[in-house]
Every structure is written in C-alpha cells, then in structure tokens.
Amino acid sequence: MSAINATPENLSEILSGEDVALTSKIPAATARRTPYFETESGKRFIEGTLNLFKNAIPPLLGMLLFVALWALVANSGGQIPGPSETWTAAVELFSDPFYDNGPNDQGIGWNILHSLYRVGIGFGLAAAVGIPLGFMIGRFDFLNRMLSPVISILRPVSPLAWLPIGLLILQKAEPASIWVIFISSIWPMVLNTAAGVQRIPQDYMNVARVLNLSEFKVFTKILFPAVLPYVLTGVRLAIGVAWLVIVAAEMLTGGVGIGFWVWDEWNNLNVAHIIIAIFVVGIVGLLLEQLLMLIAKRFSYD
C-alpha cells in the first residue's frame, strides 16, 4: 500500500524500510563466522597436534628406522632372525610365560621374577650400607680422607671380577650372585650421597651450631632434606648397574634367571629367543629407572 501512494518526497524512506526488512530476513547462517582455527578450541587443537608431533613422532621414526635396519641385516644373508620371525616367537613365548617343567625348563616369566628377586636383595643391602656410609663420609672429613683411596681403587673393578670371591666365601651360586650385585651397586649410592652432604651450604651448618642442635636433629632437619635428591640419583644409577650385572652373573652361575635363560637359549641355538631376552632386559631396566625417577620427583626438596 505504501508503494502505491509513494511520492518523490517519501520514496527514499520507503526503499530504506524495504532494505531493512529484507536484511532482517537473511538467515543467520550467511553471516560471517570466526574460522575454527581462530577460536579457543581450535588453538588448543593446533597446540595439542604440535605437542603430539614433537613428543611422539621422533621416537616413532627412530623405532621404525631401527626395525628397518634390523630387517635389512636379517635379509642380508646372516643368521639373525628378522622382526617378523622374532615377533612370532615372542607371541608363542609369552602365551604361557609361567609354565614349570622342572628346574631347568621354566617360562620366561619365572626367570624374570628370579632375577628381580636377586636384584632386590642385593640392591637393598647396598642401599642399607651405602647410603648411611655416604652420609658419614660426607659429614666427617677424617672418614672421607681415610676411605677415599679404598673407594677409588675398588670402584673401577669389573663386577664379574668379584664373582670368584663370592663363590669362594659363600660357597653357593645364589648368594654369590647377590654379592656381585651388592658390591657393584653400592658405589653410586655412596658417592652421590657423600657429594650431596658436602655441597650443603655452610650457613646451614652454622645455624645448627648456633642452635646447638644434636647430631640426630642435624640429620633429620638439615642433612636428609637437602641430600635427598642426591640420594635418589645414586639409587637410580645403582639400580641400572644392578640390573646390568645380574644378567652376566647368572650366565656364569646358572640356575633360574634371565641371564641363565639367555645362555641356555644360546646352547640351543635359538637366536630369536636371545633377541627377545635382549628386549625384555631393556624394557624391565627402563621400567625400573622410570619408577625411581617418579619417586625422585615425588620426594625431591627445593
């Protein structure tokens, strides 16, 4: 009706009103939207993708390269089984890891547990002796100067060189293996603990003297909190040494254990099982180290 009665004076107002009406009928979907990657969720998606690429892709490429080189060596005419053959043997091996057909025929699970048992005892004894000894060496200068030459001579000795001494004194293979683990893993704990005590700021000890604190108070309130990160570093290094040593010791002493199992598979010319054992030893050692690193982060002091 307004269009019929339009005049030159109100024509522009009528057209302007119709433009507004038409604009109001345009669907909201046709309005300009913010691109997804400019939104907060889009930015988080991009950041998560970049973090995934930085953290996951390089290790994955490294493993793929390792498997490719392994397959290349296996296919070059050598006697080393390839990845697919080893995987098939591993699936069969771990389908029943805890079978028991007698002392000389047990599943790989039992062998791993026996090795961990020996490592636990030898490592525990080393911690019980090495950590307090490290505190005393770091705390008392006279004791430090007295024992430093002995530690400097004994620490570089190969772990297996201690095995005949253990067999001579203990007369049995089992305690001799534990002895080798003990003597090999004690040094990192002694040296790291002593270094931590010696690096405590002298101001802390001066305050302890001014307050006339007892030796027990000095240990619990000053030494232990300050030295704990060093102690845990020594413990982490020691468990790696202990796990390395047990494989070699069990190869020589026999019995049930991952080291003896590797040697037995070599006598049976089962190279695939030897490669599986290498991976098992590496994975178990990595898990032990990661566990101790988590404990170190949990109990570290600033």
C-alpha atoms as a PDB file:
ATOM      1  CA  MET A   1       0.000   0.000   0.000  1.00  0.00           C
ATOM      2  CA  SER A   2       2.846   2.346   0.809  1.00  0.00           C
ATOM      3  CA  ALA A   3       4.405   1.673  -2.591  1.00  0.00           C
ATOM      4  CA  ILE A   4       1.183   2.709  -4.391  1.00  0.00           C
ATOM      5  CA  ASN A   5       0.953   6.013  -2.526  1.00  0.00           C
ATOM      6  CA  ALA A   6       4.639   6.791  -2.964  1.00  0.00           C
ATOM      7  CA  THR A   7       5.674  10.325  -3.746  1.00  0.00           C
ATOM      8  CA  PRO A   8       9.073  11.702  -4.675  1.00  0.00           C
ATOM      9  CA  GLU A   9       9.432  13.017  -1.124  1.00  0.00           C
ATOM     10  CA  ASN A  10       8.855   9.729   0.724  1.00  0.00           C
ATOM     11  CA  LEU A  11      10.222   7.341  -1.894  1.00  0.00           C
ATOM     12  CA  SER A  12      13.652   7.146  -0.304  1.00  0.00           C
ATOM     13  CA  GLU A  13      12.156   6.353   3.127  1.00  0.00           C
ATOM     14  CA  ILE A  14      10.046   3.563   1.659  1.00  0.00           C
ATOM     15  CA  LEU A  15      13.029   1.975  -0.113  1.00  0.00           C
ATOM     16  CA  SER A  16      15.141   2.240   3.040  1.00  0.00           C
ATOM     17  CA  GLY A  17      12.459   0.477   5.059  1.00  0.00           C
ATOM     18  CA  GLU A  18      12.224  -2.323   2.493  1.00  0.00           C
ATOM     19  CA  ASP A  19      16.050  -2.771   2.659  1.00  0.00           C
ATOM     20  CA  VAL A  20      15.837  -3.154   6.408  1.00  0.00           C
ATOM     21  CA  ALA A  21      13.058  -5.718   6.094  1.00  0.00           C
ATOM     22  CA  LEU A  22      14.974  -7.707   3.513  1.00  0.00           C
ATOM     23  CA  THR A  23      18.133  -7.611   5.615  1.00  0.00           C
ATOM     24  CA  SER A  24      16.278  -8.902   8.661  1.00  0.00           C
ATOM     25  CA  LYS A  25      15.102 -11.897   6.642  1.00  0.00           C
ATOM     26  CA  ILE A  26      18.659 -13.013   5.701  1.00  0.00           C
ATOM     27  CA  PRO A  27      19.433 -16.313   7.505  1.00  0.00           C
ATOM     28  CA  ALA A  28      21.943 -16.095  10.373  1.00  0.00           C
ATOM     29  CA  ALA A  29      23.994 -18.879   8.751  1.00  0.00           C
ATOM     30  CA  THR A  30      25.028 -16.464   5.972  1.00  0.00           C
ATOM     31  CA  ALA A  31      26.542 -14.060   8.491  1.00  0.00           C
ATOM     32  CA  ARG A  32      30.358 -14.039   8.834  1.00  0.00           C
ATOM     33  CA  ARG A  33      31.645 -16.703  11.247  1.00  0.00           C
ATOM     34  CA  THR A  34      35.010 -16.836  13.057  1.00  0.00           C
ATOM     35  CA  PRO A  35      37.246 -19.501  11.479  1.00  0.00           C
ATOM     36  CA  TYR A  36      37.597 -22.589  13.671  1.00  0.00           C
ATOM     37  CA  PHE A  37      41.361 -22.325  13.989  1.00  0.00           C
ATOM     38  CA  GLU A  38      40.981 -18.784  15.358  1.00  0.00           C
ATOM     39  CA  THR A  39      38.705 -19.950  18.163  1.00  0.00           C
ATOM     40  CA  GLU A  40      39.969 -21.046  21.576  1.00  0.00           C
ATOM     41  CA  SER A  41      39.220 -24.726  20.895  1.00  0.00           C
ATOM     42  CA  GLY A  42      40.930 -24.512  17.515  1.00  0.00           C
ATOM     43  CA  LYS A  43      44.049 -23.039  19.060  1.00  0.00           C
ATOM     44  CA  ARG A  44      44.094 -25.825  21.652  1.00  0.00           C
ATOM     45  CA  PHE A  45      43.734 -28.390  18.855  1.00  0.00           C
ATOM     46  CA  ILE A  46      46.699 -26.913  16.978  1.00  0.00           C
ATOM     47  CA  GLU A  47      48.807 -26.822  20.157  1.00  0.00           C
ATOM     48  CA  GLY A  48      47.930 -30.427  21.000  1.00  0.00           C
ATOM     49  CA  THR A  49      48.808 -31.556  17.475  1.00  0.00           C
ATOM     50  CA  LEU A  50      52.178 -29.809  17.611  1.00  0.00           C
ATOM     51  CA  ASN A  51      52.945 -31.345  21.012  1.00  0.00           C
ATOM     52  CA  LEU A  52      52.000 -34.774  19.664  1.00  0.00           C
ATOM     53  CA  PHE A  53      54.330 -34.296  16.718  1.00  0.00           C
ATOM     54  CA  LYS A  54      57.214 -33.164  18.946  1.00  0.00           C
ATOM     55  CA  ASN A  55      56.805 -35.924  21.540  1.00  0.00           C
ATOM     56  CA  ALA A  56      55.551 -38.950  19.598  1.00  0.00           C
ATOM     57  CA  ILE A  57      56.748 -38.667  16.029  1.00  0.00           C
ATOM     58  CA  PRO A  58      60.553 -38.599  16.619  1.00  0.00           C
ATOM     59  CA  PRO A  59      60.586 -41.734  18.846  1.00  0.00           C
ATOM     60  CA  LEU A  60      58.284 -43.482  16.411  1.00  0.00           C
ATOM     61  CA  LEU A  61      60.549 -42.636  13.485  1.00  0.00           C
ATOM     62  CA  GLY A  62      63.547 -43.846  15.488  1.00  0.00           C
ATOM     63  CA  MET A  63      61.893 -47.199  16.182  1.00  0.00           C
ATOM     64  CA  LEU A  64      60.861 -47.559  12.548  1.00  0.00           C
ATOM     65  CA  LEU A  65      64.429 -46.858  11.456  1.00  0.00           C
ATOM     66  CA  PHE A  66      65.739 -49.418  13.940  1.00  0.00           C
ATOM     67  CA  VAL A  67      63.305 -52.089  12.721  1.00  0.00           C
ATOM     68  CA  ALA A  68      64.168 -51.290   9.094  1.00  0.00           C
ATOM     69  CA  LEU A  69      67.906 -51.673   9.763  1.00  0.00           C
ATOM     70  CA  TRP A  70      67.227 -54.883  11.662  1.00  0.00           C
ATOM     71  CA  ALA A  71      65.227 -56.291   8.751  1.00  0.00           C
ATOM     72  CA  LEU A  72      67.959 -55.228   6.312  1.00  0.00           C
ATOM     73  CA  VAL A  73      70.641 -57.025   8.319  1.00  0.00           C
ATOM     74  CA  ALA A  74      68.448 -60.121   8.705  1.00  0.00           C
ATOM     75  CA  ASN A  75      67.764 -60.270   4.965  1.00  0.00           C
ATOM     76  CA  SER A  76      71.405 -59.777   4.005  1.00  0.00           C
ATOM     77  CA  GLY A  77      72.177 -63.474   4.399  1.00  0.00           C
ATOM     78  CA  GLY A  78      73.115 -63.553   8.101  1.00  0.00           C
ATOM     79  CA  GLN A  79      71.774 -65.920  10.728  1.00  0.00           C
ATOM     80  CA  ILE A  80      69.939 -63.254  12.717  1.00  0.00           C
ATOM     81  CA  PRO A  81      66.133 -63.685  12.620  1.00  0.00           C
ATOM     82  CA  GLY A  82      64.147 -60.760  11.299  1.00  0.00           C
ATOM     83  CA  PRO A  83      61.479 -58.704  13.090  1.00  0.00           C
ATOM     84  CA  SER A  84      58.536 -60.792  11.871  1.00  0.00           C
ATOM     85  CA  GLU A  85      60.159 -64.089  12.870  1.00  0.00           C
ATOM     86  CA  THR A  86      61.110 -62.696  16.280  1.00  0.00           C
ATOM     87  CA  TRP A  87      57.587 -61.352  16.809  1.00  0.00           C
ATOM     88  CA  THR A  88      56.092 -64.764  16.069  1.00  0.00           C
ATOM     89  CA  ALA A  89      58.465 -66.389  18.544  1.00  0.00           C
ATOM     90  CA  ALA A  90      57.630 -63.744  21.160  1.00  0.00           C
ATOM     91  CA  VAL A  91      53.883 -64.305  20.804  1.00  0.00           C
ATOM     92  CA  GLU A  92      54.401 -68.025  21.305  1.00  0.00           C
ATOM     93  CA  LEU A  93      56.812 -67.464  24.197  1.00  0.00           C
ATOM     94  CA  PHE A  94      54.567 -65.080  26.129  1.00  0.00           C
ATOM     95  CA  SER A  95      51.421 -67.108  25.544  1.00  0.00           C
ATOM     96  CA  ASP A  96      52.466 -69.167  28.601  1.00  0.00           C
ATOM     97  CA  PRO A  97      55.273 -67.317  30.424  1.00  0.00           C
ATOM     98  CA  PHE A  98      54.844 -69.141  33.758  1.00  0.00           C
ATOM     99  CA  TYR A  99      54.983 -72.792  32.820  1.00  0.00           C
ATOM    100  CA  ASP A 100      57.105 -75.030  35.033  1.00  0.00           C
ATOM    101  CA  ASN A 101      58.532 -78.289  33.711  1.00  0.00           C
ATOM    102  CA  GLY A 102      61.282 -78.640  36.261  1.00  0.00           C
ATOM    103  CA  PRO A 103      64.299 -76.636  37.442  1.00  0.00           C
ATOM    104  CA  ASN A 104      65.880 -76.395  34.010  1.00  0.00           C
ATOM    105  CA  ASP A 105      62.726 -75.716  31.993  1.00  0.00           C
ATOM    106  CA  GLN A 106      60.676 -72.785  33.244  1.00  0.00           C
ATOM    107  CA  GLY A 107      58.862 -69.986  31.470  1.00  0.00           C
ATOM    108  CA  ILE A 108      60.428 -66.607  30.869  1.00  0.00           C
ATOM    109  CA  GLY A 109      58.163 -65.055  33.484  1.00  0.00           C
ATOM    110  CA  TRP A 110      59.713 -67.143  36.255  1.00  0.00           C
ATOM    111  CA  ASN A 111      63.190 -66.279  35.028  1.00  0.00           C
ATOM    112  CA  ILE A 112      62.438 -62.550  35.135  1.00  0.00           C
ATOM    113  CA  LEU A 113      60.988 -62.811  38.648  1.00  0.00           C
ATOM    114  CA  HIS A 114      64.004 -64.743  39.945  1.00  0.00           C
ATOM    115  CA  SER A 115      66.353 -62.114  38.507  1.00  0.00           C
ATOM    116  CA  LEU A 116      64.313 -59.306  40.047  1.00  0.00           C
ATOM    117  CA  TYR A 117      64.393 -61.143  43.365  1.00  0.00           C
ATOM    118  CA  ARG A 118      68.201 -61.314  43.335  1.00  0.00           C
ATOM    119  CA  VAL A 119      68.454 -57.684  42.246  1.00  0.00           C
ATOM    120  CA  GLY A 120      66.063 -56.623  45.002  1.00  0.00           C
ATOM    121  CA  ILE A 121      68.060 -58.335  47.747  1.00  0.00           C
ATOM    122  CA  GLY A 122      71.484 -57.199  46.531  1.00  0.00           C
ATOM    123  CA  PHE A 123      70.290 -53.677  45.805  1.00  0.00           C
ATOM    124  CA  GLY A 124      68.500 -53.430  49.157  1.00  0.00           C
ATOM    125  CA  LEU A 125      71.622 -54.490  51.055  1.00  0.00           C
ATOM    126  CA  ALA A 126      73.695 -51.993  49.066  1.00  0.00           C
ATOM    127  CA  ALA A 127      71.261 -49.195  49.920  1.00  0.00           C
ATOM    128  CA  ALA A 128      71.216 -50.167  53.604  1.00  0.00           C
ATOM    129  CA  VAL A 129      75.024 -49.948  53.742  1.00  0.00           C
ATOM    130  CA  GLY A 130      75.876 -47.384  51.059  1.00  0.00           C
ATOM    131  CA  ILE A 131      73.504 -44.537  51.941  1.00  0.00           C
ATOM    132  CA  PRO A 132      74.487 -44.301  55.644  1.00  0.00           C
ATOM    133  CA  LEU A 133      78.145 -44.716  54.692  1.00  0.00           C
ATOM    134  CA  GLY A 134      77.798 -41.865  52.191  1.00  0.00           C
ATOM    135  CA  PHE A 135      76.296 -39.629  54.878  1.00  0.00           C
ATOM    136  CA  MET A 136      79.191 -40.369  57.233  1.00  0.00           C
ATOM    137  CA  ILE A 137      81.833 -39.840  54.544  1.00  0.00           C
ATOM    138  CA  GLY A 138      80.320 -36.506  53.584  1.00  0.00           C
ATOM    139  CA  ARG A 139      79.803 -35.424  57.185  1.00  0.00           C
ATOM    140  CA  PHE A 140      83.191 -36.281  58.662  1.00  0.00           C
ATOM    141  CA  ASP A 141      86.274 -35.116  56.800  1.00  0.00           C
ATOM    142  CA  PHE A 142      88.600 -37.588  58.572  1.00  0.00           C
ATOM    143  CA  LEU A 143      86.459 -40.536  57.422  1.00  0.00           C
ATOM    144  CA  ASN A 144      86.349 -39.109  53.919  1.00  0.00           C
ATOM    145  CA  ARG A 145      90.134 -38.891  53.659  1.00  0.00           C
ATOM    146  CA  MET A 146      90.505 -42.355  55.170  1.00  0.00           C
ATOM    147  CA  LEU A 147      88.124 -44.161  52.805  1.00  0.00           C
ATOM    148  CA  SER A 148      88.690 -42.209  49.582  1.00  0.00           C
ATOM    149  CA  PRO A 149      91.745 -44.272  48.488  1.00  0.00           C
ATOM    150  CA  VAL A 150      89.907 -47.548  49.145  1.00  0.00           C
ATOM    151  CA  ILE A 151      86.831 -46.457  47.174  1.00  0.00           C
ATOM    152  CA  SER A 152      88.971 -45.108  44.335  1.00  0.00           C
ATOM    153  CA  ILE A 153      90.692 -48.499  43.981  1.00  0.00           C
ATOM    154  CA  LEU A 154      87.634 -50.751  44.314  1.00  0.00           C
ATOM    155  CA  ARG A 155      85.053 -48.754  42.347  1.00  0.00           C
ATOM    156  CA  PRO A 156      86.534 -49.305  38.818  1.00  0.00           C
ATOM    157  CA  VAL A 157      86.816 -53.083  39.308  1.00  0.00           C
ATOM    158  CA  SER A 158      84.658 -55.066  36.883  1.00  0.00           C
ATOM    159  CA  PRO A 159      81.603 -56.579  38.619  1.00  0.00           C
ATOM    160  CA  LEU A 160      82.378 -60.088  37.390  1.00  0.00           C
ATOM    161  CA  ALA A 161      85.809 -59.915  38.981  1.00  0.00           C
ATOM    162  CA  TRP A 162      84.030 -60.091  42.338  1.00  0.00           C
ATOM    163  CA  LEU A 163      82.184 -63.306  41.459  1.00  0.00           C
ATOM    164  CA  PRO A 164      85.049 -65.744  42.270  1.00  0.00           C
ATOM    165  CA  ILE A 165      85.477 -64.049  45.656  1.00  0.00           C
ATOM    166  CA  GLY A 166      81.770 -64.525  46.336  1.00  0.00           C
ATOM    167  CA  LEU A 167      81.878 -68.173  45.301  1.00  0.00           C
ATOM    168  CA  LEU A 168      84.955 -68.756  47.450  1.00  0.00           C
ATOM    169  CA  ILE A 169      83.484 -67.204  50.579  1.00  0.00           C
ATOM    170  CA  LEU A 170      79.779 -68.077  50.223  1.00  0.00           C
ATOM    171  CA  GLN A 171      80.222 -71.487  48.547  1.00  0.00           C
ATOM    172  CA  LYS A 172      76.912 -71.172  46.630  1.00  0.00           C
ATOM    173  CA  ALA A 173      75.898 -69.579  43.341  1.00  0.00           C
ATOM    174  CA  GLU A 174      72.768 -67.808  44.631  1.00  0.00           C
ATOM    175  CA  PRO A 175      74.404 -65.721  47.385  1.00  0.00           C
ATOM    176  CA  ALA A 176      77.433 -65.156  45.148  1.00  0.00           C
ATOM    177  CA  SER A 177      75.189 -63.504  42.545  1.00  0.00           C
ATOM    178  CA  ILE A 178      73.635 -61.317  45.240  1.00  0.00           C
ATOM    179  CA  TRP A 179      77.134 -60.414  46.452  1.00  0.00           C
ATOM    180  CA  VAL A 180      78.120 -59.252  42.960  1.00  0.00           C
ATOM    181  CA  ILE A 181      75.015 -57.056  42.754  1.00  0.00           C
ATOM    182  CA  PHE A 182      75.737 -55.633  46.200  1.00  0.00           C
ATOM    183  CA  ILE A 183      79.360 -54.719  45.547  1.00  0.00           C
ATOM    184  CA  SER A 184      78.582 -53.284  42.099  1.00  0.00           C
ATOM    185  CA  SER A 185      75.614 -51.107  43.054  1.00  0.00           C
ATOM    186  CA  ILE A 186      76.907 -49.711  46.336  1.00  0.00           C
ATOM    187  CA  TRP A 187      79.352 -47.202  44.835  1.00  0.00           C
ATOM    188  CA  PRO A 188      76.873 -44.849  43.088  1.00  0.00           C
ATOM    189  CA  MET A 189      74.884 -44.511  46.301  1.00  0.00           C
ATOM    190  CA  VAL A 190      77.967 -43.893  48.466  1.00  0.00           C
ATOM    191  CA  LEU A 191      79.492 -41.302  46.131  1.00  0.00           C
ATOM    192  CA  ASN A 192      76.286 -39.402  45.328  1.00  0.00           C
ATOM    193  CA  THR A 193      75.203 -39.271  48.964  1.00  0.00           C
ATOM    194  CA  ALA A 194      78.632 -38.056  50.104  1.00  0.00           C
ATOM    195  CA  ALA A 195      78.692 -35.419  47.343  1.00  0.00           C
ATOM    196  CA  GLY A 196      75.254 -34.178  48.400  1.00  0.00           C
ATOM    197  CA  VAL A 197      76.330 -33.824  52.034  1.00  0.00           C
ATOM    198  CA  GLN A 198      79.494 -31.955  51.060  1.00  0.00           C
ATOM    199  CA  ARG A 199      77.527 -29.474  48.929  1.00  0.00           C
ATOM    200  CA  ILE A 200      75.224 -28.363  51.731  1.00  0.00           C
ATOM    201  CA  PRO A 201      75.744 -24.604  52.287  1.00  0.00           C
ATOM    202  CA  GLN A 202      77.940 -23.913  55.280  1.00  0.00           C
ATOM    203  CA  ASP A 203      75.366 -21.402  56.568  1.00  0.00           C
ATOM    204  CA  TYR A 204      73.015 -24.292  57.330  1.00  0.00           C
ATOM    205  CA  MET A 205      75.621 -25.972  59.499  1.00  0.00           C
ATOM    206  CA  ASN A 206      76.499 -22.680  61.210  1.00  0.00           C
ATOM    207  CA  VAL A 207      72.861 -22.233  62.170  1.00  0.00           C
ATOM    208  CA  ALA A 208      72.833 -25.774  63.572  1.00  0.00           C
ATOM    209  CA  ARG A 209      75.852 -24.941  65.740  1.00  0.00           C
ATOM    210  CA  VAL A 210      74.298 -21.695  66.964  1.00  0.00           C
ATOM    211  CA  LEU A 211      71.106 -23.529  67.913  1.00  0.00           C
ATOM    212  CA  ASN A 212      73.184 -26.307  69.478  1.00  0.00           C
ATOM    213  CA  LEU A 213      71.278 -28.994  67.582  1.00  0.00           C
ATOM    214  CA  SER A 214      72.036 -32.627  68.270  1.00  0.00           C
ATOM    215  CA  GLU A 215      73.515 -34.813  65.557  1.00  0.00           C
ATOM    216  CA  PHE A 216      70.132 -36.508  65.145  1.00  0.00           C
ATOM    217  CA  LYS A 217      68.418 -33.128  64.639  1.00  0.00           C
ATOM    218  CA  VAL A 218      71.104 -32.083  62.161  1.00  0.00           C
ATOM    219  CA  PHE A 219      70.487 -35.260  60.176  1.00  0.00           C
ATOM    220  CA  THR A 220      66.670 -35.124  60.173  1.00  0.00           C
ATOM    221  CA  LYS A 221      66.218 -31.362  59.767  1.00  0.00           C
ATOM    222  CA  ILE A 222      69.164 -30.366  57.569  1.00  0.00           C
ATOM    223  CA  LEU A 223      71.099 -33.234  56.010  1.00  0.00           C
ATOM    224  CA  PHE A 224      68.317 -35.558  54.912  1.00  0.00           C
ATOM    225  CA  PRO A 225      66.031 -32.993  53.194  1.00  0.00           C
ATOM    226  CA  ALA A 226      68.966 -31.308  51.455  1.00  0.00           C
ATOM    227  CA  VAL A 227      70.702 -34.513  50.357  1.00  0.00           C
ATOM    228  CA  LEU A 228      67.611 -36.495  49.323  1.00  0.00           C
ATOM    229  CA  PRO A 229      67.805 -35.538  45.600  1.00  0.00           C
ATOM    230  CA  TYR A 230      71.433 -36.736  45.503  1.00  0.00           C
ATOM    231  CA  VAL A 231      70.498 -39.957  47.294  1.00  0.00           C
ATOM    232  CA  LEU A 232      67.730 -40.701  44.815  1.00  0.00           C
ATOM    233  CA  THR A 233      70.060 -40.003  41.897  1.00  0.00           C
ATOM    234  CA  GLY A 234      72.520 -42.519  43.303  1.00  0.00           C
ATOM    235  CA  VAL A 235      69.718 -45.027  43.822  1.00  0.00           C
ATOM    236  CA  ARG A 236      68.586 -44.619  40.218  1.00  0.00           C
ATOM    237  CA  LEU A 237      72.117 -45.157  38.900  1.00  0.00           C
ATOM    238  CA  ALA A 238      72.636 -48.125  41.208  1.00  0.00           C
ATOM    239  CA  ILE A 239      69.504 -49.973  40.094  1.00  0.00           C
ATOM    240  CA  GLY A 240      70.665 -49.674  36.490  1.00  0.00           C
ATOM    241  CA  VAL A 241      74.048 -51.139  37.388  1.00  0.00           C
ATOM    242  CA  ALA A 242      72.429 -53.943  39.389  1.00  0.00           C
ATOM    243  CA  TRP A 243      70.141 -54.937  36.527  1.00  0.00           C
ATOM    244  CA  LEU A 244      73.050 -54.954  34.080  1.00  0.00           C
ATOM    245  CA  VAL A 245      75.217 -57.075  36.358  1.00  0.00           C
ATOM    246  CA  ILE A 246      72.631 -59.750  37.136  1.00  0.00           C
ATOM    247  CA  VAL A 247      72.431 -60.914  33.527  1.00  0.00           C
ATOM    248  CA  ALA A 248      76.177 -61.516  33.311  1.00  0.00           C
ATOM    249  CA  ALA A 249      76.352 -63.075  36.778  1.00  0.00           C
ATOM    250  CA  GLU A 250      73.548 -65.537  36.036  1.00  0.00           C
ATOM    251  CA  MET A 251      75.235 -66.590  32.822  1.00  0.00           C
ATOM    252  CA  LEU A 252      78.169 -67.820  34.928  1.00  0.00           C
ATOM    253  CA  THR A 253      76.368 -69.150  37.985  1.00  0.00           C
ATOM    254  CA  GLY A 254      73.396 -70.857  36.308  1.00  0.00           C
ATOM    255  CA  GLY A 255      70.056 -71.542  37.968  1.00  0.00           C
ATOM    256  CA  VAL A 256      66.771 -69.847  37.153  1.00  0.00           C
ATOM    257  CA  GLY A 257      67.139 -66.297  35.876  1.00  0.00           C
ATOM    258  CA  ILE A 258      67.057 -64.229  32.716  1.00  0.00           C
ATOM    259  CA  GLY A 259      70.850 -64.422  32.309  1.00  0.00           C
ATOM    260  CA  PHE A 260      70.910 -68.203  32.564  1.00  0.00           C
ATOM    261  CA  TRP A 261      67.900 -68.363  30.237  1.00  0.00           C
ATOM    262  CA  VAL A 262      69.804 -66.391  27.590  1.00  0.00           C
ATOM    263  CA  TRP A 263      72.805 -68.709  27.891  1.00  0.00           C
ATOM    264  CA  ASP A 264      70.579 -71.780  27.732  1.00  0.00           C
ATOM    265  CA  GLU A 265      68.893 -70.497  24.573  1.00  0.00           C
ATOM    266  CA  TRP A 266      72.322 -69.907  23.059  1.00  0.00           C
ATOM    267  CA  ASN A 267      73.232 -73.527  23.742  1.00  0.00           C
ATOM    268  CA  ASN A 268      70.007 -74.477  21.958  1.00  0.00           C
ATOM    269  CA  LEU A 269      70.926 -72.118  19.071  1.00  0.00           C
ATOM    270  CA  ASN A 270      67.593 -70.310  19.496  1.00  0.00           C
ATOM    271  CA  VAL A 271      68.692 -66.839  18.395  1.00  0.00           C
ATOM    272  CA  ALA A 272      65.126 -65.481  18.243  1.00  0.00           C
ATOM    273  CA  HIS A 273      64.699 -66.099  21.962  1.00  0.00           C
ATOM    274  CA  ILE A 274      68.019 -64.374  22.652  1.00  0.00           C
ATOM    275  CA  ILE A 275      66.811 -61.272  20.819  1.00  0.00           C
ATOM    276  CA  ILE A 276      63.557 -61.414  22.785  1.00  0.00           C
ATOM    277  CA  ALA A 277      65.558 -61.605  26.012  1.00  0.00           C
ATOM    278  CA  ILE A 278      67.555 -58.539  24.976  1.00  0.00           C
ATOM    279  CA  PHE A 279      64.333 -56.564  24.556  1.00  0.00           C
ATOM    280  CA  VAL A 280      62.955 -57.922  27.838  1.00  0.00           C
ATOM    281  CA  VAL A 281      66.091 -56.890  29.744  1.00  0.00           C
ATOM    282  CA  GLY A 282      65.970 -53.429  28.196  1.00  0.00           C
ATOM    283  CA  ILE A 283      62.263 -52.906  28.889  1.00  0.00           C
ATOM    284  CA  VAL A 284      62.488 -54.106  32.504  1.00  0.00           C
ATOM    285  CA  GLY A 285      65.522 -51.877  33.107  1.00  0.00           C
ATOM    286  CA  LEU A 286      63.687 -48.906  31.596  1.00  0.00           C
ATOM    287  CA  LEU A 287      60.644 -49.522  33.797  1.00  0.00           C
ATOM    288  CA  LEU A 288      62.807 -49.727  36.929  1.00  0.00           C
ATOM    289  CA  GLU A 289      64.545 -46.469  36.063  1.00  0.00           C
ATOM    290  CA  GLN A 290      61.278 -44.672  35.261  1.00  0.00           C
ATOM    291  CA  LEU A 291      59.772 -45.878  38.548  1.00  0.00           C
ATOM    292  CA  LEU A 292      62.688 -44.475  40.518  1.00  0.00           C
ATOM    293  CA  MET A 293      62.506 -41.199  38.568  1.00  0.00           C
ATOM    294  CA  LEU A 294      58.843 -40.843  39.563  1.00  0.00           C
ATOM    295  CA  ILE A 295      59.783 -41.476  43.182  1.00  0.00           C
ATOM    296  CA  ALA A 296      62.577 -38.911  42.912  1.00  0.00           C
ATOM    297  CA  LYS A 297      60.160 -36.270  41.616  1.00  0.00           C
ATOM    298  CA  ARG A 298      57.700 -37.098  44.375  1.00  0.00           C
ATOM    299  CA  PHE A 299      60.197 -36.769  47.224  1.00  0.00           C
ATOM    300  CA  SER A 300      62.513 -34.059  45.942  1.00  0.00           C
ATOM    301  CA  TYR A 301      63.031 -30.958  48.076  1.00  0.00           C
ATOM    302  CA  ASP A 302      63.543 -27.406  46.858  1.00  0.00           C
END
